[in-house]
Protein backbone atom coordinates (compact mmCIF):
# COMPACT_ATOMS: atom_id res chain seq x y z
CA UNK A 1 15.93 -10.83 -20.98
CA UNK A 2 18.58 -7.68 -21.86
CA UNK A 3 16.00 -5.58 -19.17
CA UNK A 4 16.06 -8.08 -16.35
CA UNK A 5 19.98 -8.19 -16.25
CA UNK A 6 20.26 -4.40 -16.06
CA UNK A 7 17.69 -4.47 -13.18
CA UNK A 8 19.85 -6.75 -11.70
CA UNK A 9 22.82 -5.19 -12.20
CA UNK A 10 21.89 -2.18 -10.64
CA UNK A 11 20.61 -3.07 -7.68
CA UNK A 12 23.57 -5.18 -7.63
CA UNK A 13 25.23 -1.45 -7.42
CA UNK A 14 23.20 0.07 -5.37
CA UNK A 15 23.75 -3.04 -2.85
CA UNK A 16 27.53 -2.25 -2.77
CA UNK A 17 26.79 1.36 -2.64
CA UNK A 18 25.01 1.27 0.78
CA UNK A 19 25.78 -1.91 2.22
CA UNK A 20 22.90 -3.46 2.28
CA UNK A 21 21.55 -6.94 0.80
CA UNK A 22 19.88 -7.09 -2.36
CA UNK A 23 16.84 -8.32 -0.60
CA UNK A 24 16.99 -5.27 1.24
CA UNK A 25 17.33 -2.81 -1.73
CA UNK A 26 14.28 -4.60 -3.15
CA UNK A 27 11.90 -4.83 -0.53
CA UNK A 28 12.66 -0.72 0.06
CA UNK A 29 12.33 -0.34 -3.52
CA UNK A 30 8.73 -2.50 -2.76
CA UNK A 31 7.85 -0.47 0.26
CA UNK A 32 8.59 3.05 -1.39
CA UNK A 33 6.54 2.56 -4.80
CA UNK A 34 3.76 0.91 -2.01
CA UNK A 35 3.38 3.44 0.15
CA UNK A 36 3.34 6.01 -3.31
CA UNK A 37 0.52 4.37 -4.77
CA UNK A 38 -2.04 3.80 -1.95
CA UNK A 39 -1.63 7.53 -1.45
CA UNK A 40 -2.58 7.97 -4.96
CA UNK A 41 -5.44 5.77 -3.87
CA UNK A 42 -6.58 7.83 -0.78
CA UNK A 43 -6.52 10.70 -2.86
CA UNK A 44 -8.99 9.07 -4.60
CA UNK A 45 -11.16 7.90 -1.48
CA UNK A 46 -10.95 11.52 -0.22
CA UNK A 47 -12.63 12.53 -3.22
CA UNK A 48 -15.27 9.34 -3.35
CA UNK A 49 -14.12 8.47 -6.75
CA UNK A 50 -13.21 5.18 -5.62
CA UNK A 51 -14.89 3.04 -3.26
CA UNK A 52 -12.64 0.60 -0.83
CA UNK A 53 -13.63 -1.95 -2.23
CA UNK A 54 -11.98 -1.44 -5.91
CA UNK A 55 -8.99 0.61 -4.25
CA UNK A 56 -8.42 -2.56 -2.24
CA UNK A 57 -8.73 -4.60 -5.63
CA UNK A 58 -6.09 -2.54 -7.18
CA UNK A 59 -3.96 -2.10 -4.17
CA UNK A 60 -4.48 -6.58 -3.65
CA UNK A 61 -4.59 -5.69 0.10
CA UNK A 62 -7.76 -6.49 2.25
CA UNK A 63 -10.05 -3.71 3.56
CA UNK A 64 -8.97 -4.32 6.95
CA UNK A 65 -5.61 -2.93 6.30
CA UNK A 66 -6.79 -0.20 3.75
CA UNK A 67 -8.73 0.63 6.64
CA UNK A 68 -5.37 0.64 9.38
CA UNK A 69 -3.14 2.39 6.69
CA UNK A 70 -6.24 5.46 6.80
CA UNK A 71 -5.52 5.47 10.37
CA UNK A 72 -2.26 5.55 10.30
CA UNK A 73 -1.95 8.55 8.00
CA UNK A 74 -5.47 10.28 10.08
CA UNK A 75 -7.83 10.27 7.61
CA UNK A 76 -11.19 10.09 8.52
CA UNK A 77 -13.68 7.32 7.31
CA UNK A 78 -17.08 5.97 8.48
CA UNK A 79 -17.22 3.45 11.32
CA UNK A 80 -19.71 0.94 11.10
CA UNK A 81 -20.86 -1.29 14.11
CA UNK A 82 -21.80 -4.83 12.65
CA UNK A 83 -22.88 -5.99 16.43
CA UNK A 84 -25.77 -7.30 17.32
CA UNK A 85 -26.59 -5.99 21.06
CA UNK A 86 -27.53 -2.44 18.92
CA UNK A 87 -30.39 -3.96 16.85
CA UNK A 88 -33.54 -2.83 18.08
CA UNK A 89 -36.43 -4.60 17.40
């Protein structure tokens, strides 16, 4: 419990110094560390050492959200068309 009390006191201190609420500070920290993890996973994706399924499992996000992140960061990826109109018999 000593570690949690230390973390809470540091969050309170950051909140007082930045004129934000504790929840805003925690949300900003979450965004920072999530973006850091996504950047590391994108490096693996570019090197083709990890597949999308493994990356989304590690990040605990959906594959659609991961593709949206790739689109936003302008990383090339293959789009598959699953419409039945293009299927030749």
